[in-house]
PDB file of N, CA and C in Angstrom:
ATOM      1  N   MET A   1     -52.430  20.312 -12.024  1.00  0.00           N
ATOM      2  CA  MET A   1     -51.373  19.499 -11.703  1.00  0.00           C
ATOM      3  C   MET A   1     -52.225  18.031 -12.526  1.00  0.00           C
ATOM      4  N   THR A   2     -51.423  17.000 -13.257  1.00  0.00           N
ATOM      5  CA  THR A   2     -52.704  16.401 -14.498  1.00  0.00           C
ATOM      6  C   THR A   2     -52.206  15.124 -13.544  1.00  0.00           C
ATOM      7  N   ALA A   3     -53.027  14.719 -13.230  1.00  0.00           N
ATOM      8  CA  ALA A   3     -52.492  12.803 -12.612  1.00  0.00           C
ATOM      9  C   ALA A   3     -52.063  12.059 -14.069  1.00  0.00           C
ATOM     10  N   LEU A   4     -50.684  11.061 -13.644  1.00  0.00           N
ATOM     11  CA  LEU A   4     -50.661   9.841 -14.486  1.00  0.00           C
ATOM     12  C   LEU A   4     -50.858   8.669 -13.731  1.00  0.00           C
ATOM     13  N   ALA A   5     -51.077   8.312 -15.093  1.00  0.00           N
ATOM     14  CA  ALA A   5     -51.580   6.091 -14.911  1.00  0.00           C
ATOM     15  C   ALA A   5     -50.313   6.178 -14.475  1.00  0.00           C
ATOM     16  N   ALA A   6     -50.399   5.275 -13.361  1.00  0.00           N
ATOM     17  CA  ALA A   6     -48.971   3.764 -12.409  1.00  0.00           C
ATOM     18  C   ALA A   6     -48.783   2.892 -13.551  1.00  0.00           C
ATOM     19  N   THR A   7     -48.405   2.541 -14.450  1.00  0.00           N
ATOM     20  CA  THR A   7     -47.915   1.984 -15.642  1.00  0.00           C
ATOM     21  C   THR A   7     -47.156   0.134 -14.783  1.00  0.00           C
ATOM     22  N   SER A   8     -46.970  -0.348 -15.424  1.00  0.00           N
ATOM     23  CA  SER A   8     -46.327  -1.542 -14.048  1.00  0.00           C
ATOM     24  C   SER A   8     -45.312  -1.708 -14.119  1.00  0.00           C
ATOM     25  N   LYS A   9     -44.008  -0.700 -14.475  1.00  0.00           N
ATOM     26  CA  LYS A   9     -42.587  -0.433 -14.531  1.00  0.00           C
ATOM     27  C   LYS A   9     -42.827   0.789 -12.941  1.00  0.00           C
ATOM     28  N   ASP A  10     -43.521   1.274 -12.543  1.00  0.00           N
ATOM     29  CA  ASP A  10     -44.442   2.067 -11.984  1.00  0.00           C
ATOM     30  C   ASP A  10     -44.407   2.163 -10.432  1.00  0.00           C
ATOM     31  N   ALA A  11     -44.430   2.678  -9.376  1.00  0.00           N
ATOM     32  CA  ALA A  11     -44.650   1.434  -7.629  1.00  0.00           C
ATOM     33  C   ALA A  11     -45.432   3.053  -6.991  1.00  0.00           C
ATOM     34  N   THR A  12     -45.943   2.715  -6.750  1.00  0.00           N
ATOM     35  CA  THR A  12     -46.439   3.212  -5.770  1.00  0.00           C
ATOM     36  C   THR A  12     -46.308   3.080  -3.929  1.00  0.00           C
ATOM     37  N   LEU A  13     -45.553   3.913  -2.924  1.00  0.00           N
ATOM     38  CA  LEU A  13     -45.117   3.303  -2.364  1.00  0.00           C
ATOM     39  C   LEU A  13     -46.002   4.796  -1.187  1.00  0.00           C
ATOM     40  N   THR A  14     -46.359   4.312   0.230  1.00  0.00           N
ATOM     41  CA  THR A  14     -46.478   4.978   1.350  1.00  0.00           C
ATOM     42  C   THR A  14     -46.226   5.755   2.596  1.00  0.00           C
ATOM     43  N   VAL A  15     -46.557   7.003   2.306  1.00  0.00           N
ATOM     44  CA  VAL A  15     -45.900   8.114   3.277  1.00  0.00           C
ATOM     45  C   VAL A  15     -45.987   7.313   4.907  1.00  0.00           C
ATOM     46  N   THR A  16     -45.908   7.600   5.732  1.00  0.00           N
ATOM     47  CA  THR A  16     -45.603   7.587   6.966  1.00  0.00           C
ATOM     48  C   THR A  16     -46.412   8.258   8.125  1.00  0.00           C
ATOM     49  N   ALA A  17     -46.660   8.211   9.322  1.00  0.00           N
ATOM     50  CA  ALA A  17     -46.820   9.895  10.099  1.00  0.00           C
ATOM     51  C   ALA A  17     -45.390  10.376   9.994  1.00  0.00           C
ATOM     52  N   LYS A  18     -44.559   9.534  10.129  1.00  0.00           N
ATOM     53  CA  LYS A  18     -43.512  10.613  10.296  1.00  0.00           C
ATOM     54  C   LYS A  18     -43.101  11.114   8.643  1.00  0.00           C
ATOM     55  N   GLY A  19     -43.362  10.416   7.859  1.00  0.00           N
ATOM     56  CA  GLY A  19     -43.445  11.654   6.829  1.00  0.00           C
ATOM     57  C   GLY A  19     -42.320  10.747   5.731  1.00  0.00           C
ATOM     58  N   GLN A  20     -42.147   9.879   6.519  1.00  0.00           N
ATOM     59  CA  GLN A  20     -40.535   8.768   5.969  1.00  0.00           C
ATOM     60  C   GLN A  20     -41.271   7.700   4.808  1.00  0.00           C
ATOM     61  N   VAL A  21     -41.368   8.606   3.558  1.00  0.00           N
ATOM     62  CA  VAL A  21     -41.286   7.120   2.787  1.00  0.00           C
ATOM     63  C   VAL A  21     -40.560   5.954   2.070  1.00  0.00           C
ATOM     64  N   THR A  22     -40.248   4.733   2.190  1.00  0.00           N
ATOM     65  CA  THR A  22     -39.348   3.046   2.434  1.00  0.00           C
ATOM     66  C   THR A  22     -39.295   2.619   0.757  1.00  0.00           C
ATOM     67  N   LEU A  23     -38.622   2.733   0.319  1.00  0.00           N
ATOM     68  CA  LEU A  23     -37.366   1.508  -1.586  1.00  0.00           C
ATOM     69  C   LEU A  23     -38.404   0.647  -1.829  1.00  0.00           C
ATOM     70  N   ARG A  24     -38.518   0.492  -2.242  1.00  0.00           N
ATOM     71  CA  ARG A  24     -38.975  -1.043  -2.535  1.00  0.00           C
ATOM     72  C   ARG A  24     -37.649  -1.481  -2.793  1.00  0.00           C
ATOM     73  N   LYS A  25     -37.466  -3.419  -2.040  1.00  0.00           N
ATOM     74  CA  LYS A  25     -36.023  -3.937  -2.734  1.00  0.00           C
ATOM     75  C   LYS A  25     -35.851  -3.712  -4.336  1.00  0.00           C
ATOM     76  N   ASP A  26     -36.783  -4.357  -5.064  1.00  0.00           N
ATOM     77  CA  ASP A  26     -37.056  -3.830  -6.142  1.00  0.00           C
ATOM     78  C   ASP A  26     -36.415  -2.827  -7.018  1.00  0.00           C
ATOM     79  N   LEU A  27     -36.776  -1.739  -6.438  1.00  0.00           N
ATOM     80  CA  LEU A  27     -35.881  -0.697  -6.434  1.00  0.00           C
ATOM     81  C   LEU A  27     -34.533  -0.019  -5.791  1.00  0.00           C
ATOM     82  N   LEU A  28     -34.444  -0.058  -4.889  1.00  0.00           N
ATOM     83  CA  LEU A  28     -32.987  -0.333  -4.104  1.00  0.00           C
ATOM     84  C   LEU A  28     -32.471  -1.321  -5.284  1.00  0.00           C
ATOM     85  N   GLN A  29     -32.461  -1.208  -6.134  1.00  0.00           N
ATOM     86  CA  GLN A  29     -31.644  -2.980  -6.718  1.00  0.00           C
ATOM     87  C   GLN A  29     -31.207  -2.169  -8.181  1.00  0.00           C
ATOM     88  N   HIS A  30     -32.399  -1.291  -8.813  1.00  0.00           N
ATOM     89  CA  HIS A  30     -32.597  -0.640  -9.657  1.00  0.00           C
ATOM     90  C   HIS A  30     -31.376   0.471 -10.203  1.00  0.00           C
ATOM     91  N   LEU A  31     -31.555   1.228  -8.449  1.00  0.00           N
ATOM     92  CA  LEU A  31     -30.951   2.780  -9.041  1.00  0.00           C
ATOM     93  C   LEU A  31     -29.167   0.894  -8.332  1.00  0.00           C
ATOM     94  N   GLY A  32     -29.489   0.291  -7.967  1.00  0.00           N
ATOM     95  CA  GLY A  32     -27.967  -0.562  -7.486  1.00  0.00           C
ATOM     96  C   GLY A  32     -27.382  -0.047  -6.444  1.00  0.00           C
ATOM     97  N   VAL A  33     -27.978   0.656  -5.012  1.00  0.00           N
ATOM     98  CA  VAL A  33     -27.887   1.005  -3.981  1.00  0.00           C
ATOM     99  C   VAL A  33     -28.121  -0.218  -2.763  1.00  0.00           C
ATOM    100  N   GLN A  34     -27.342   0.182  -1.673  1.00  0.00           N
ATOM    101  CA  GLN A  34     -27.760  -1.002  -0.583  1.00  0.00           C
ATOM    102  C   GLN A  34     -27.527  -0.227   0.616  1.00  0.00           C
ATOM    103  N   ALA A  35     -27.877  -1.246   2.139  1.00  0.00           N
ATOM    104  CA  ALA A  35     -28.049  -0.570   2.894  1.00  0.00           C
ATOM    105  C   ALA A  35     -26.843   0.004   3.548  1.00  0.00           C
ATOM    106  N   GLY A  36     -26.674   1.687   4.018  1.00  0.00           N
ATOM    107  CA  GLY A  36     -26.121   2.382   4.121  1.00  0.00           C
ATOM    108  C   GLY A  36     -24.847   3.257   3.010  1.00  0.00           C
ATOM    109  N   SER A  37     -25.980   3.113   2.053  1.00  0.00           N
ATOM    110  CA  SER A  37     -26.057   3.766   0.871  1.00  0.00           C
ATOM    111  C   SER A  37     -26.343   5.230   0.339  1.00  0.00           C
ATOM    112  N   LYS A  38     -26.009   5.789  -0.054  1.00  0.00           N
ATOM    113  CA  LYS A  38     -27.023   7.039  -0.373  1.00  0.00           C
ATOM    114  C   LYS A  38     -27.410   7.642  -0.995  1.00  0.00           C
ATOM    115  N   ILE A  39     -28.394   8.506  -1.483  1.00  0.00           N
ATOM    116  CA  ILE A  39     -29.310   8.659  -2.856  1.00  0.00           C
ATOM    117  C   ILE A  39     -29.559   9.799  -2.757  1.00  0.00           C
ATOM    118  N   ILE A  40     -29.964  10.359  -4.303  1.00  0.00           N
ATOM    119  CA  ILE A  40     -30.311  12.442  -3.636  1.00  0.00           C
ATOM    120  C   ILE A  40     -31.315  11.761  -4.593  1.00  0.00           C
ATOM    121  N   VAL A  41     -31.794  13.805  -4.377  1.00  0.00           N
ATOM    122  CA  VAL A  41     -33.593  13.433  -4.758  1.00  0.00           C
ATOM    123  C   VAL A  41     -33.281  14.792  -5.182  1.00  0.00           C
ATOM    124  N   HIS A  42     -33.591  15.206  -6.403  1.00  0.00           N
ATOM    125  CA  HIS A  42     -33.357  15.932  -7.148  1.00  0.00           C
ATOM    126  C   HIS A  42     -34.977  16.684  -6.986  1.00  0.00           C
ATOM    127  N   LYS A  43     -35.656  18.020  -6.842  1.00  0.00           N
ATOM    128  CA  LYS A  43     -36.617  18.203  -6.386  1.00  0.00           C
ATOM    129  C   LYS A  43     -36.849  19.107  -8.318  1.00  0.00           C
ATOM    130  N   LEU A  44     -38.278  18.865  -8.273  1.00  0.00           N
ATOM    131  CA  LEU A  44     -38.575  19.437  -9.377  1.00  0.00           C
ATOM    132  C   LEU A  44     -39.333  20.176 -10.367  1.00  0.00           C
ATOM    133  N   PRO A  45     -39.843  21.465 -10.575  1.00  0.00           N
ATOM    134  CA  PRO A  45     -41.433  21.657 -11.142  1.00  0.00           C
ATOM    135  C   PRO A  45     -42.793  20.806 -11.106  1.00  0.00           C
ATOM    136  N   ASN A  46     -43.396  21.838 -10.208  1.00  0.00           N
ATOM    137  CA  ASN A  46     -44.565  20.843 -10.853  1.00  0.00           C
ATOM    138  C   ASN A  46     -45.009  19.834  -9.260  1.00  0.00           C
ATOM    139  N   GLY A  47     -44.477  19.637  -8.519  1.00  0.00           N
ATOM    140  CA  GLY A  47     -44.327  18.386  -6.823  1.00  0.00           C
ATOM    141  C   GLY A  47     -44.058  17.151  -7.410  1.00  0.00           C
ATOM    142  N   ARG A  48     -42.840  17.659  -8.148  1.00  0.00           N
ATOM    143  CA  ARG A  48     -41.774  16.349  -8.494  1.00  0.00           C
ATOM    144  C   ARG A  48     -40.387  16.700  -8.288  1.00  0.00           C
ATOM    145  N   ILE A  49     -40.154  14.674  -8.109  1.00  0.00           N
ATOM    146  CA  ILE A  49     -38.864  14.654  -7.578  1.00  0.00           C
ATOM    147  C   ILE A  49     -38.602  13.758  -8.603  1.00  0.00           C
ATOM    148  N   GLU A  50     -37.431  13.353  -8.655  1.00  0.00           N
ATOM    149  CA  GLU A  50     -36.598  12.282  -9.536  1.00  0.00           C
ATOM    150  C   GLU A  50     -35.439  12.231  -8.460  1.00  0.00           C
ATOM    151  N   VAL A  51     -34.479  10.628  -7.964  1.00  0.00           N
ATOM    152  CA  VAL A  51     -34.258   9.805  -6.911  1.00  0.00           C
ATOM    153  C   VAL A  51     -33.132   9.090  -8.193  1.00  0.00           C
ATOM    154  N   GLU A  52     -31.909   9.803  -7.562  1.00  0.00           N
ATOM    155  CA  GLU A  52     -30.564   8.756  -8.734  1.00  0.00           C
ATOM    156  C   GLU A  52     -29.303   8.104  -7.169  1.00  0.00           C
ATOM    157  N   ALA A  53     -28.907   7.189  -7.576  1.00  0.00           N
ATOM    158  CA  ALA A  53     -27.765   6.624  -6.119  1.00  0.00           C
ATOM    159  C   ALA A  53     -27.055   7.889  -6.342  1.00  0.00           C
ATOM    160  N   ALA A  54     -26.392   7.925  -5.348  1.00  0.00           N
ATOM    161  CA  ALA A  54     -25.310   9.377  -5.384  1.00  0.00           C
ATOM    162  C   ALA A  54     -23.778   7.430  -5.902  1.00  0.00           C
ATOM    163  N   ARG A  55     -22.585   8.965  -6.433  1.00  0.00           N
ATOM    164  CA  ARG A  55     -21.445   8.177  -7.077  1.00  0.00           C
ATOM    165  C   ARG A  55     -20.386   9.688  -6.549  1.00  0.00           C
ATOM    166  N   PRO A  56     -19.330   8.511  -6.087  1.00  0.00           N
ATOM    167  CA  PRO A  56     -18.134   8.898  -6.385  1.00  0.00           C
ATOM    168  C   PRO A  56     -18.520  10.158  -6.096  1.00  0.00           C
ATOM    169  N   LYS A  57     -17.341  11.108  -6.343  1.00  0.00           N
ATOM    170  CA  LYS A  57     -17.098  11.769  -7.751  1.00  0.00           C
ATOM    171  C   LYS A  57     -15.113  11.735  -6.728  1.00  0.00           C
ATOM    172  N   GLY A  58     -14.512  11.929  -7.976  1.00  0.00           N
ATOM    173  CA  GLY A  58     -12.883  12.051  -7.604  1.00  0.00           C
ATOM    174  C   GLY A  58     -12.351  11.407  -9.041  1.00  0.00           C
ATOM    175  N   LYS A  59     -11.280  11.223  -8.840  1.00  0.00           N
ATOM    176  CA  LYS A  59     -10.397  10.123  -9.939  1.00  0.00           C
ATOM    177  C   LYS A  59      -9.853   8.957  -8.988  1.00  0.00           C
ATOM    178  N   ILE A  60      -9.289   7.814  -9.015  1.00  0.00           N
ATOM    179  CA  ILE A  60      -9.016   6.589  -8.932  1.00  0.00           C
ATOM    180  C   ILE A  60      -7.552   7.786  -8.575  1.00  0.00           C
ATOM    181  N   SER A  61      -6.835   8.256  -9.215  1.00  0.00           N
ATOM    182  CA  SER A  61      -5.546   8.454  -9.162  1.00  0.00           C
ATOM    183  C   SER A  61      -5.083   9.244  -7.673  1.00  0.00           C
ATOM    184  N   ALA A  62      -6.184   9.040  -7.733  1.00  0.00           N
ATOM    185  CA  ALA A  62      -5.840  10.350  -5.625  1.00  0.00           C
ATOM    186  C   ALA A  62      -6.074   9.534  -4.111  1.00  0.00           C
ATOM    187  N   VAL A  63      -6.077   8.350  -4.919  1.00  0.00           N
ATOM    188  CA  VAL A  63      -5.433   7.129  -3.595  1.00  0.00           C
ATOM    189  C   VAL A  63      -4.130   6.935  -3.923  1.00  0.00           C
ATOM    190  N   PHE A  64      -3.869   6.567  -5.862  1.00  0.00           N
ATOM    191  CA  PHE A  64      -2.572   5.651  -5.261  1.00  0.00           C
ATOM    192  C   PHE A  64      -1.349   6.812  -4.808  1.00  0.00           C
ATOM    193  N   GLY A  65      -0.629   5.931  -3.870  1.00  0.00           N
ATOM    194  CA  GLY A  65       0.931   6.310  -2.548  1.00  0.00           C
ATOM    195  C   GLY A  65      -0.169   6.490  -1.648  1.00  0.00           C
ATOM    196  N   MET A  66      -1.621   6.381  -1.206  1.00  0.00           N
ATOM    197  CA  MET A  66      -2.348   6.510   0.578  1.00  0.00           C
ATOM    198  C   MET A  66      -1.675   5.905   0.961  1.00  0.00           C
ATOM    199  N   LEU A  67      -1.262   4.530   1.255  1.00  0.00           N
ATOM    200  CA  LEU A  67      -0.233   3.673   1.663  1.00  0.00           C
ATOM    201  C   LEU A  67       1.293   3.852   2.374  1.00  0.00           C
ATOM    202  N   LYS A  68       1.996   4.943   1.229  1.00  0.00           N
ATOM    203  CA  LYS A  68       3.623   5.081   1.106  1.00  0.00           C
ATOM    204  C   LYS A  68       3.243   5.620   2.521  1.00  0.00           C
ATOM    205  N   ARG A  69       4.669   5.403   3.092  1.00  0.00           N
ATOM    206  CA  ARG A  69       5.701   6.199   4.313  1.00  0.00           C
ATOM    207  C   ARG A  69       6.553   6.666   4.063  1.00  0.00           C
ATOM    208  N   GLU A  70       6.854   7.317   4.920  1.00  0.00           N
ATOM    209  CA  GLU A  70       8.343   8.375   4.449  1.00  0.00           C
ATOM    210  C   GLU A  70       9.440   6.556   5.583  1.00  0.00           C
ATOM    211  N   GLY A  71       9.982   6.742   4.341  1.00  0.00           N
ATOM    212  CA  GLY A  71      11.177   5.658   5.167  1.00  0.00           C
ATOM    213  C   GLY A  71      10.632   4.272   4.796  1.00  0.00           C
ATOM    214  N   GLN A  72       9.479   3.932   4.679  1.00  0.00           N
ATOM    215  CA  GLN A  72       8.944   2.294   3.621  1.00  0.00           C
ATOM    216  C   GLN A  72       9.755   2.071   3.716  1.00  0.00           C
ATOM    217  N   GLN A  73       9.798   0.665   3.366  1.00  0.00           N
ATOM    218  CA  GLN A  73      10.134   0.170   1.957  1.00  0.00           C
ATOM    219  C   GLN A  73       8.873  -0.466   0.781  1.00  0.00           C
ATOM    220  N   THR A  74       9.336  -0.515  -0.119  1.00  0.00           N
ATOM    221  CA  THR A  74       8.089  -0.863  -0.918  1.00  0.00           C
ATOM    222  C   THR A  74       8.330  -2.461  -1.436  1.00  0.00           C
ATOM    223  N   VAL A  75       6.518  -2.778  -1.704  1.00  0.00           N
ATOM    224  CA  VAL A  75       7.027  -4.167  -1.710  1.00  0.00           C
ATOM    225  C   VAL A  75       6.040  -4.469  -3.450  1.00  0.00           C
ATOM    226  N   SER A  76       6.285  -5.737  -3.417  1.00  0.00           N
ATOM    227  CA  SER A  76       6.302  -5.792  -4.862  1.00  0.00           C
ATOM    228  C   SER A  76       5.101  -6.868  -4.309  1.00  0.00           C
ATOM    229  N   ILE A  77       4.533  -7.005  -5.724  1.00  0.00           N
ATOM    230  CA  ILE A  77       2.878  -7.339  -5.803  1.00  0.00           C
ATOM    231  C   ILE A  77       3.010  -8.985  -4.737  1.00  0.00           C
ATOM    232  N   ASP A  78       4.597 -10.067  -5.310  1.00  0.00           N
ATOM    233  CA  ASP A  78       4.696 -10.955  -5.784  1.00  0.00           C
ATOM    234  C   ASP A  78       5.576 -11.600  -3.554  1.00  0.00           C
ATOM    235  N   GLU A  79       5.570 -10.775  -3.125  1.00  0.00           N
ATOM    236  CA  GLU A  79       6.300  -9.877  -1.845  1.00  0.00           C
ATOM    237  C   GLU A  79       4.924 -10.481  -1.307  1.00  0.00           C
ATOM    238  N   MET A  80       3.818  -9.546  -1.824  1.00  0.00           N
ATOM    239  CA  MET A  80       2.467  -9.311  -0.988  1.00  0.00           C
ATOM    240  C   MET A  80       1.700 -11.155  -0.243  1.00  0.00           C
ATOM    241  N   ASN A  81       2.085 -11.863  -2.053  1.00  0.00           N
ATOM    242  CA  ASN A  81       1.227 -12.659  -2.318  1.00  0.00           C
ATOM    243  C   ASN A  81       1.995 -13.334  -0.837  1.00  0.00           C
ATOM    244  N   GLU A  82       3.371 -13.455  -0.877  1.00  0.00           N
ATOM    245  CA  GLU A  82       4.501 -14.717  -0.707  1.00  0.00           C
ATOM    246  C   GLU A  82       3.710 -14.637   1.716  1.00  0.00           C
ATOM    247  N   ALA A  83       4.077 -12.895   1.624  1.00  0.00           N
ATOM    248  CA  ALA A  83       4.001 -12.836   3.244  1.00  0.00           C
ATOM    249  C   ALA A  83       2.040 -13.286   3.786  1.00  0.00           C
ATOM    250  N   ILE A  84       1.798 -12.997   2.296  1.00  0.00           N
ATOM    251  CA  ILE A  84      -0.109 -13.457   3.248  1.00  0.00           C
ATOM    252  C   ILE A  84      -0.578 -15.321   2.959  1.00  0.00           C
ATOM    253  N   ALA A  85       0.564 -15.600   2.343  1.00  0.00           N
ATOM    254  CA  ALA A  85       0.458 -17.420   1.640  1.00  0.00           C
ATOM    255  C   ALA A  85       0.864 -17.444   3.215  1.00  0.00           C
ATOM    256  N   ALA A  86       2.746 -16.790   3.554  1.00  0.00           N
ATOM    257  CA  ALA A  86       2.926 -17.914   5.092  1.00  0.00           C
ATOM    258  C   ALA A  86       2.500 -17.021   6.383  1.00  0.00           C
ATOM    259  N   GLY A  87       0.954 -16.454   6.887  1.00  0.00           N
ATOM    260  CA  GLY A  87       0.701 -15.470   7.278  1.00  0.00           C
ATOM    261  C   GLY A  87      -0.794 -17.233   7.330  1.00  0.00           C
ATOM    262  N   TRP A  88      -1.225 -16.623   6.245  1.00  0.00           N
ATOM    263  CA  TRP A  88      -2.477 -18.387   6.592  1.00  0.00           C
ATOM    264  C   TRP A  88      -1.935 -18.950   6.629  1.00  0.00           C
ATOM    265  N   ALA A  89      -0.542 -19.715   6.450  1.00  0.00           N
ATOM    266  CA  ALA A  89       0.218 -20.107   6.524  1.00  0.00           C
ATOM    267  C   ALA A  89       0.622 -20.748   8.088  1.00  0.00           C
ATOM    268  N   GLY A  90       0.440 -19.874   9.444  1.00  0.00           N
ATOM    269  CA  GLY A  90       0.782 -19.928  10.367  1.00  0.00           C
ATOM    270  C   GLY A  90       2.099 -19.541  10.583  1.00  0.00           C
ATOM    271  N   GLU A  91       2.521 -19.632   9.104  1.00  0.00           N
ATOM    272  CA  GLU A  91       4.538 -19.408   9.308  1.00  0.00           C
ATOM    273  C   GLU A  91       5.024 -17.913  10.197  1.00  0.00           C
ATOM    274  N   ARG A  92       4.116 -16.893  10.520  1.00  0.00           N
ATOM    275  CA  ARG A  92       3.763 -14.894  10.997  1.00  0.00           C
ATOM    276  C   ARG A  92       3.130 -14.944  11.657  1.00  0.00           C
TER     277      ARG A  92
END
């Protein structure tokens, strides 16, 4: 295995006694993840790994109609906004 020289874009991390590695804040930001997010680690040849942020799979259309209930009246955006405003005003 050939050792690679670290560059200014690289990060050297320390493995704990439990075998864990903590990613620095700048690396997490680079991945676009935050506390509770998932990451995927790919094992590559020659003892290397690749890390990427886990992204949700599926289509946005899968959530359409998710809140619809049988016999429930449809409400327009304007009606929703009126109900919200009334709630904030203490009218509901």
